[in-house]
């Protein structure tokens, strides 16, 4: 186990409420300290720079996920093996179960349904004029798209985003938030097995296929990481466009910028800010020798704002097209739901372009305090309808 000897050190608490609400100044301090920074609390090494994070994510043999990807060792031990807590060859089997369902080709048939859901919800909220862009828009949209896609019954859906949010606390340090994770995880798995055995799943949809092939636990891959990460990304998109009307006007005038704009949203506000890895052998990171058996904090949210990679990294620029941003990860653990997330986001932003001329934040945005997730809990907005919205 490493000590602070030889590494730049920091006593910052990355999981303090104030830091979680606005972590970016702290991330810059860590990046300026070095490519590897020893955190006094909790005791582990942080990797805040882009090139290091990308390298670690593509080197699973040296930076392993098999012992868990959280900060707290007891929590890592208690988590069952899964797509996120495994290395090849076990990881390949976990991924195979979901990869076919979430390929571009497999999702193509669902595109029209997702686009219709986005357009209908956006149109109804624009008619109201004011709403909460998280509670009324991003959360119900992501929840219902995922639940309908896999064929969950309509009853019992509502608690899933709340449970998923609390479950993500399992990857943080031993704090009060971590204590909320095990009950939430138990309920998510309980829900999955209950619907699997209930006979209420929609035949022919993805959840029933998972049950028929003996993988009912795969339902949790949709209801846990598949909902809240997208909620956070879409809420952040509305926030950025509301606070940068010039960028919204660019997208309205040229909707072909939507994929680039979404990548830029993810770069600025990655929905997941941290996971960890465990070194399997000594690793040289930019001249710093990290010993075997050391847990390292892989800082996606910091890497995506690294000045060494992106010019003026705190600026929102929908023309930047940062296709290399790391919000979805990299390597063998690249988010298995990346194609679904992109499909949802493009449909969502296309509907907003069709119906919304401009946004205005009309109340205080409230950021999540979560050990792993980054996003908005509340975003009250007012919108002005686009001239063609009523056509």
Protein backbone atom coordinates (compact mmCIF):
# COMPACT_ATOMS: atom_id res chain seq x y z
CA UNK A 1 0.00 0.00 0.00
CA UNK A 2 1.34 3.39 -0.97
CA UNK A 3 1.84 6.24 1.44
CA UNK A 4 2.07 9.94 0.65
CA UNK A 5 5.87 9.64 0.42
CA UNK A 6 7.02 10.70 -3.04
CA UNK A 7 3.64 11.85 -4.31
CA UNK A 8 2.10 15.32 -4.34
CA UNK A 9 -0.42 15.35 -1.50
CA UNK A 10 -3.78 16.96 -0.77
CA UNK A 11 -6.05 16.96 2.27
CA UNK A 12 -9.12 17.95 0.23
CA UNK A 13 -12.28 15.94 0.86
CA UNK A 14 -13.71 15.22 -2.58
CA UNK A 15 -16.93 13.95 -0.99
CA UNK A 16 -17.68 17.08 1.04
CA UNK A 17 -21.12 18.46 0.12
CA UNK A 18 -19.74 21.77 -1.15
CA UNK A 19 -17.13 20.04 -3.31
CA UNK A 20 -19.67 17.64 -4.76
CA UNK A 21 -21.92 20.55 -5.72
CA UNK A 22 -19.10 22.36 -7.55
CA UNK A 23 -16.05 20.11 -7.86
CA UNK A 24 -14.30 21.77 -10.77
CA UNK A 25 -12.08 24.30 -8.95
CA UNK A 26 -10.85 21.48 -6.72
CA UNK A 27 -10.20 19.26 -9.72
CA UNK A 28 -8.01 21.95 -11.26
CA UNK A 29 -5.97 22.21 -8.07
CA UNK A 30 -5.39 18.45 -8.17
CA UNK A 31 -4.44 18.49 -11.85
CA UNK A 32 -1.94 21.26 -11.15
CA UNK A 33 -0.40 19.25 -8.33
CA UNK A 34 0.52 16.39 -10.64
CA UNK A 35 -0.57 13.35 -12.64
CA UNK A 36 -0.86 11.32 -9.43
CA UNK A 37 -1.95 12.91 -6.14
CA UNK A 38 -2.09 11.28 -2.72
CA UNK A 39 -5.39 12.03 -0.94
CA UNK A 40 -5.11 12.05 2.83
CA UNK A 41 -8.85 11.34 3.17
CA UNK A 42 -9.53 8.69 2.24
CA UNK A 43 -6.06 7.30 1.79
CA UNK A 44 -5.70 6.56 -1.90
CA UNK A 45 -4.10 7.90 -5.06
CA UNK A 46 -6.11 10.19 -7.33
CA UNK A 47 -5.58 10.39 -11.09
CA UNK A 48 -6.97 13.76 -12.23
CA UNK A 49 -5.40 14.23 -15.69
CA UNK A 50 -6.83 13.20 -19.07
CA UNK A 51 -3.90 11.25 -20.52
CA UNK A 52 -3.42 9.23 -17.33
CA UNK A 53 -7.12 8.41 -16.97
CA UNK A 54 -7.38 7.32 -20.60
CA UNK A 55 -4.28 5.15 -20.28
CA UNK A 56 -5.51 3.48 -17.10
CA UNK A 57 -8.92 2.74 -18.60
CA UNK A 58 -7.31 0.95 -21.53
CA UNK A 59 -4.92 -1.11 -19.36
CA UNK A 60 -7.19 -3.52 -17.53
CA UNK A 61 -4.38 -6.05 -17.00
CA UNK A 62 -2.47 -3.57 -14.80
CA UNK A 63 -5.46 -1.68 -13.42
CA UNK A 64 -8.00 -4.29 -12.42
CA UNK A 65 -11.73 -4.05 -11.77
CA UNK A 66 -12.08 -7.57 -10.41
CA UNK A 67 -11.86 -6.53 -6.75
CA UNK A 68 -14.41 -3.74 -7.19
CA UNK A 69 -14.38 -0.19 -8.47
CA UNK A 70 -15.42 1.66 -5.31
CA UNK A 71 -13.41 3.51 -2.70
CA UNK A 72 -14.53 1.55 0.38
CA UNK A 73 -12.99 -1.93 0.58
CA UNK A 74 -15.79 -3.57 2.62
CA UNK A 75 -18.33 -2.27 0.10
CA UNK A 76 -16.23 -3.64 -2.75
CA UNK A 77 -16.07 -7.02 -1.08
CA UNK A 78 -19.83 -7.16 -0.53
CA UNK A 79 -20.66 -6.43 -4.19
CA UNK A 80 -21.27 -9.51 -6.35
CA UNK A 81 -19.29 -10.09 -9.52
CA UNK A 82 -20.80 -8.16 -12.40
CA UNK A 83 -19.97 -6.45 -15.67
CA UNK A 84 -18.39 -3.60 -13.71
CA UNK A 85 -16.69 -5.79 -11.10
CA UNK A 86 -14.79 -8.26 -13.28
CA UNK A 87 -11.93 -8.67 -15.71
CA UNK A 88 -11.75 -11.00 -18.70
CA UNK A 89 -12.71 -13.74 -19.21
CA UNK A 90 -15.55 -13.34 -16.67
CA UNK A 91 -16.18 -9.78 -17.84
CA UNK A 92 -16.66 -10.93 -21.43
CA UNK A 93 -19.56 -13.17 -20.48
CA UNK A 94 -21.26 -10.47 -18.39
CA UNK A 95 -20.91 -8.04 -21.28
CA UNK A 96 -22.06 -10.51 -23.93
CA UNK A 97 -25.45 -10.81 -22.23
CA UNK A 98 -26.17 -7.09 -22.74
CA UNK A 99 -24.06 -6.09 -25.73
CA UNK A 100 -26.32 -7.74 -28.29
CA UNK A 101 -29.42 -6.03 -26.91
CA UNK A 102 -27.70 -2.64 -26.89
CA UNK A 103 -25.97 -2.67 -30.27
CA UNK A 104 -26.78 0.01 -32.81
CA UNK A 105 -28.58 -2.52 -34.99
CA UNK A 106 -30.65 -3.93 -32.15
CA UNK A 107 -31.75 -0.47 -31.05
CA UNK A 108 -32.63 0.75 -34.53
CA UNK A 109 -36.16 -0.59 -34.30
CA UNK A 110 -36.77 1.34 -31.08
CA UNK A 111 -35.70 4.71 -32.46
CA UNK A 112 -39.17 5.78 -33.59
CA UNK A 113 -40.72 4.91 -30.25
CA UNK A 114 -38.04 6.84 -28.36
CA UNK A 115 -38.36 9.85 -30.65
CA UNK A 116 -42.13 9.83 -30.17
CA UNK A 117 -41.78 9.68 -26.39
CA UNK A 118 -39.38 12.63 -26.40
CA UNK A 119 -41.54 14.75 -28.69
CA UNK A 120 -44.76 14.07 -26.79
CA UNK A 121 -43.29 14.87 -23.37
CA UNK A 122 -41.45 17.99 -24.53
CA UNK A 123 -44.54 19.33 -26.33
CA UNK A 124 -46.71 18.88 -23.25
CA UNK A 125 -44.23 20.66 -20.98
CA UNK A 126 -43.62 23.51 -23.41
CA UNK A 127 -47.37 24.09 -23.41
CA UNK A 128 -47.15 24.57 -19.63
CA UNK A 129 -44.40 27.16 -19.99
CA UNK A 130 -42.65 26.44 -16.66
CA UNK A 131 -41.52 23.13 -15.20
CA UNK A 132 -38.63 21.37 -13.48
CA UNK A 133 -36.27 20.13 -16.16
CA UNK A 134 -35.20 17.20 -13.97
CA UNK A 135 -38.33 16.06 -12.15
CA UNK A 136 -40.77 16.78 -14.99
CA UNK A 137 -38.61 16.17 -18.04
CA UNK A 138 -35.30 14.29 -17.82
CA UNK A 139 -36.29 11.81 -15.12
CA UNK A 140 -39.67 10.63 -16.47
CA UNK A 141 -38.30 10.57 -20.01
CA UNK A 142 -35.30 8.36 -19.17
CA UNK A 143 -37.32 6.16 -16.83
CA UNK A 144 -40.11 5.46 -19.29
CA UNK A 145 -37.84 5.04 -22.30
CA UNK A 146 -35.80 2.39 -20.48
CA UNK A 147 -38.79 0.70 -18.84
CA UNK A 148 -40.75 0.55 -22.10
CA UNK A 149 -37.71 -0.60 -24.06
CA UNK A 150 -37.16 -3.62 -21.84
CA UNK A 151 -40.85 -4.24 -21.21
CA UNK A 152 -41.34 -3.51 -17.51
CA UNK A 153 -44.92 -3.27 -16.23
CA UNK A 154 -46.14 0.29 -15.72
CA UNK A 155 -46.71 -0.18 -11.98
CA UNK A 156 -43.62 -0.23 -9.78
CA UNK A 157 -41.48 1.98 -12.03
CA UNK A 158 -41.67 5.22 -10.09
CA UNK A 159 -39.15 4.39 -7.31
CA UNK A 160 -36.45 3.16 -9.70
CA UNK A 161 -34.59 6.48 -10.30
CA UNK A 162 -34.59 7.24 -6.58
CA UNK A 163 -33.24 3.77 -5.78
CA UNK A 164 -30.63 3.99 -8.55
CA UNK A 165 -29.38 7.31 -7.23
CA UNK A 166 -28.89 5.94 -3.73
CA UNK A 167 -27.33 2.73 -5.06
CA UNK A 168 -24.56 4.74 -6.76
CA UNK A 169 -23.37 5.83 -3.32
CA UNK A 170 -21.91 2.34 -2.91
CA UNK A 171 -18.80 3.38 -4.84
CA UNK A 172 -17.80 6.16 -2.44
CA UNK A 173 -15.95 6.26 0.86
CA UNK A 174 -17.38 5.19 4.21
CA UNK A 175 -19.76 8.09 4.86
CA UNK A 176 -23.45 8.57 5.61
CA UNK A 177 -24.32 8.40 1.92
CA UNK A 178 -22.67 5.00 1.55
CA UNK A 179 -25.04 3.62 4.17
CA UNK A 180 -28.02 4.34 1.89
CA UNK A 181 -26.65 2.16 -0.92
CA UNK A 182 -27.14 -1.45 0.28
CA UNK A 183 -30.90 -1.09 0.94
CA UNK A 184 -31.35 0.60 -2.44
CA UNK A 185 -29.38 -2.10 -4.22
CA UNK A 186 -31.39 -4.80 -2.47
CA UNK A 187 -34.62 -3.18 -3.65
CA UNK A 188 -33.36 -2.87 -7.24
CA UNK A 189 -32.43 -6.54 -7.35
CA UNK A 190 -35.64 -7.45 -5.56
CA UNK A 191 -37.67 -5.56 -8.14
CA UNK A 192 -35.81 -7.30 -10.99
CA UNK A 193 -36.44 -10.78 -9.65
CA UNK A 194 -40.03 -9.97 -8.72
CA UNK A 195 -40.95 -8.81 -12.23
CA UNK A 196 -38.97 -11.71 -13.72
CA UNK A 197 -41.16 -14.16 -11.84
CA UNK A 198 -44.43 -12.27 -12.09
CA UNK A 199 -45.37 -12.99 -15.67
CA UNK A 200 -46.00 -9.25 -16.16
CA UNK A 201 -43.08 -8.53 -18.46
CA UNK A 202 -43.94 -7.50 -22.00
CA UNK A 203 -43.27 -10.55 -24.23
CA UNK A 204 -40.53 -10.18 -26.80
CA UNK A 205 -38.89 -7.21 -25.10
CA UNK A 206 -35.40 -7.15 -23.63
CA UNK A 207 -36.28 -8.03 -20.03
CA UNK A 208 -38.20 -11.14 -21.06
CA UNK A 209 -35.26 -12.18 -23.26
CA UNK A 210 -32.93 -11.85 -20.26
CA UNK A 211 -35.25 -13.99 -18.15
CA UNK A 212 -35.62 -16.62 -20.88
CA UNK A 213 -31.84 -16.92 -21.24
CA UNK A 214 -31.33 -17.25 -17.50
CA UNK A 215 -30.07 -13.75 -16.76
CA UNK A 216 -32.81 -11.93 -14.82
CA UNK A 217 -30.13 -9.98 -12.94
CA UNK A 218 -29.40 -8.24 -16.25
CA UNK A 219 -32.57 -6.21 -15.72
CA UNK A 220 -30.65 -4.29 -13.03
CA UNK A 221 -28.12 -3.15 -15.63
CA UNK A 222 -30.98 -1.20 -17.20
CA UNK A 223 -32.75 0.02 -14.05
CA UNK A 224 -29.61 1.04 -12.17
CA UNK A 225 -26.93 2.64 -14.41
CA UNK A 226 -29.31 2.83 -17.37
CA UNK A 227 -31.61 5.49 -15.94
CA UNK A 228 -29.92 7.96 -13.60
CA UNK A 229 -26.80 8.58 -15.66
CA UNK A 230 -28.98 9.66 -18.57
CA UNK A 231 -31.16 11.78 -16.30
CA UNK A 232 -28.05 13.62 -15.14
CA UNK A 233 -26.72 14.14 -18.66
CA UNK A 234 -30.01 15.49 -19.98
CA UNK A 235 -30.57 17.75 -16.98
CA UNK A 236 -27.07 19.14 -17.45
CA UNK A 237 -27.84 19.73 -21.14
CA UNK A 238 -30.86 21.88 -20.34
CA UNK A 239 -28.88 23.77 -17.70
CA UNK A 240 -26.04 24.51 -20.11
CA UNK A 241 -28.34 25.63 -22.89
CA UNK A 242 -30.38 27.78 -20.52
CA UNK A 243 -27.22 29.51 -19.27
CA UNK A 244 -25.62 29.72 -22.74
CA UNK A 245 -28.38 30.93 -25.07
CA UNK A 246 -25.90 31.62 -27.85
CA UNK A 247 -25.00 27.92 -27.95
CA UNK A 248 -28.67 26.94 -28.01
CA UNK A 249 -29.22 29.25 -30.95
CA UNK A 250 -26.36 27.55 -32.82
CA UNK A 251 -27.98 24.16 -32.32
CA UNK A 252 -31.43 25.44 -33.28
CA UNK A 253 -30.05 26.86 -36.51
CA UNK A 254 -28.07 23.71 -37.26
CA UNK A 255 -29.50 20.54 -35.64
CA UNK A 256 -26.67 18.52 -37.17
CA UNK A 257 -24.65 19.88 -34.21
CA UNK A 258 -26.72 17.83 -31.74
CA UNK A 259 -24.26 14.89 -31.43
CA UNK A 260 -21.36 17.32 -30.97
CA UNK A 261 -23.38 19.31 -28.43
CA UNK A 262 -24.19 16.19 -26.43
CA UNK A 263 -20.52 15.16 -26.36
CA UNK A 264 -19.69 18.63 -25.07
CA UNK A 265 -22.35 18.34 -22.34
CA UNK A 266 -20.80 15.04 -21.25
CA UNK A 267 -17.33 16.55 -21.28
CA UNK A 268 -18.36 19.43 -19.03
CA UNK A 269 -20.66 17.46 -16.74
CA UNK A 270 -19.81 13.77 -16.80
CA UNK A 271 -22.72 11.93 -15.10
CA UNK A 272 -20.24 9.68 -13.24
CA UNK A 273 -17.17 11.38 -11.81
CA UNK A 274 -15.19 8.52 -10.29
CA UNK A 275 -14.53 4.83 -10.24
CA UNK A 276 -11.45 3.08 -8.89
CA UNK A 277 -9.05 0.42 -10.08
CA UNK A 278 -6.52 -1.77 -8.24
CA UNK A 279 -2.97 -2.10 -9.55
CA UNK A 280 -1.89 -5.68 -10.21
CA UNK A 281 1.78 -4.78 -10.66
CA UNK A 282 3.99 -1.72 -10.15
CA UNK A 283 3.03 1.02 -12.60
CA UNK A 284 5.05 4.00 -13.77
CA UNK A 285 2.69 6.96 -14.20
CA UNK A 286 4.52 9.92 -15.66
CA UNK A 287 7.59 9.19 -13.53
CA UNK A 288 5.73 8.27 -10.33
CA UNK A 289 6.02 4.62 -9.32
CA UNK A 290 2.68 3.29 -8.07
CA UNK A 291 3.08 -0.03 -6.23
CA UNK A 292 1.10 -3.18 -6.87
CA UNK A 293 -2.01 -3.55 -4.74
CA UNK A 294 -2.73 0.18 -4.70
CA UNK A 295 -6.27 1.47 -5.26
CA UNK A 296 -6.39 4.50 -7.55
CA UNK A 297 -9.23 6.96 -8.11
CA UNK A 298 -9.93 7.36 -11.82
CA UNK A 299 -11.36 10.88 -12.14
CA UNK A 300 -13.49 11.08 -15.30
CA UNK A 301 -15.00 14.42 -14.33
CA UNK A 302 -11.59 16.02 -13.86
CA UNK A 303 -9.99 14.44 -16.92
CA UNK A 304 -12.69 15.85 -19.18
CA UNK A 305 -11.73 19.39 -18.13
CA UNK A 306 -7.98 18.96 -18.35
CA UNK A 307 -6.30 22.05 -19.78
CA UNK A 308 -3.62 19.80 -21.23
CA UNK A 309 -6.23 18.21 -23.50
CA UNK A 310 -8.84 20.89 -24.17
CA UNK A 311 -8.32 24.59 -24.85
CA UNK A 312 -10.39 26.79 -22.54
CA UNK A 313 -11.86 23.64 -20.95
CA UNK A 314 -14.54 25.31 -18.81
CA UNK A 315 -16.14 26.93 -21.86
CA UNK A 316 -19.28 25.34 -23.33
CA UNK A 317 -18.78 25.10 -27.09
CA UNK A 318 -21.19 22.96 -29.11
CA UNK A 319 -18.84 23.06 -32.11
CA UNK A 320 -15.91 21.52 -30.17
CA UNK A 321 -17.06 17.92 -30.86
CA UNK A 322 -14.94 16.25 -28.15
CA UNK A 323 -15.37 12.69 -29.39
CA UNK A 324 -12.52 11.60 -27.12
CA UNK A 325 -14.23 12.71 -23.89
CA UNK A 326 -14.21 10.02 -21.21
CA UNK A 327 -17.68 10.20 -19.67
CA UNK A 328 -18.54 6.77 -21.11
CA UNK A 329 -15.20 5.33 -20.05
CA UNK A 330 -12.78 3.63 -22.41
CA UNK A 331 -11.45 0.16 -23.12
CA UNK A 332 -13.22 -3.04 -22.18
CA UNK A 333 -15.37 -1.23 -19.61
CA UNK A 334 -16.72 1.32 -22.09
CA UNK A 335 -20.32 1.87 -21.01
CA UNK A 336 -22.34 -0.99 -22.50
CA UNK A 337 -25.33 1.35 -22.81
CA UNK A 338 -23.51 4.02 -24.84
CA UNK A 339 -25.65 3.50 -27.95
CA UNK A 340 -28.90 3.77 -25.99
CA UNK A 341 -27.71 6.89 -24.17
CA UNK A 342 -26.81 8.58 -27.45
CA UNK A 343 -30.11 7.56 -29.04
CA UNK A 344 -32.07 8.96 -26.08
CA UNK A 345 -30.07 12.18 -26.05
CA UNK A 346 -30.41 12.87 -29.77
CA UNK A 347 -34.17 12.28 -29.62
CA UNK A 348 -34.43 14.49 -26.53
CA UNK A 349 -32.43 17.39 -27.98
CA UNK A 350 -34.18 17.09 -31.35
CA UNK A 351 -37.53 17.45 -29.62
CA UNK A 352 -36.28 20.48 -27.71
CA UNK A 353 -35.00 22.07 -30.93
CA UNK A 354 -38.41 21.51 -32.50
CA UNK A 355 -40.40 22.99 -29.63
CA UNK A 356 -38.23 25.42 -27.63
CA UNK A 357 -36.96 28.81 -28.74
CA UNK A 358 -35.14 29.54 -25.48
CA UNK A 359 -34.85 28.53 -21.84
CA UNK A 360 -34.55 30.55 -18.67
CA UNK A 361 -33.60 29.24 -15.23
CA UNK A 362 -36.22 30.70 -12.89
CA UNK A 363 -35.13 29.25 -9.56
CA UNK A 364 -32.04 28.00 -7.80
CA UNK A 365 -30.55 24.91 -9.47
CA UNK A 366 -29.90 22.16 -6.93
CA UNK A 367 -26.95 19.85 -7.55
CA UNK A 368 -26.84 16.27 -6.33
CA UNK A 369 -24.70 15.26 -3.40
CA UNK A 370 -23.85 11.70 -4.39
CA UNK A 371 -20.68 9.69 -3.87
CA UNK A 372 -20.41 8.84 -7.57
CA UNK A 373 -22.99 10.67 -9.68
CA UNK A 374 -22.83 14.28 -10.79
CA UNK A 375 -25.92 16.10 -11.97
CA UNK A 376 -28.87 18.22 -10.99
CA UNK A 377 -31.54 17.26 -8.53
CA UNK A 378 -33.74 20.24 -9.46
CA UNK A 379 -33.72 22.76 -12.30
CA UNK A 380 -36.77 25.07 -12.49
CA UNK A 381 -37.03 26.59 -15.95
CA UNK A 382 -39.30 28.67 -18.11
CA UNK A 383 -39.40 28.09 -21.85
CA UNK A 384 -40.58 30.04 -24.86
CA UNK A 385 -42.11 27.90 -27.63
CA UNK A 386 -40.50 27.83 -31.05
CA UNK A 387 -42.56 29.37 -33.83
CA UNK A 388 -42.94 26.03 -35.60
CA UNK A 389 -43.76 24.13 -32.39
CA UNK A 390 -47.50 24.20 -32.95
CA UNK A 391 -47.39 22.92 -36.51
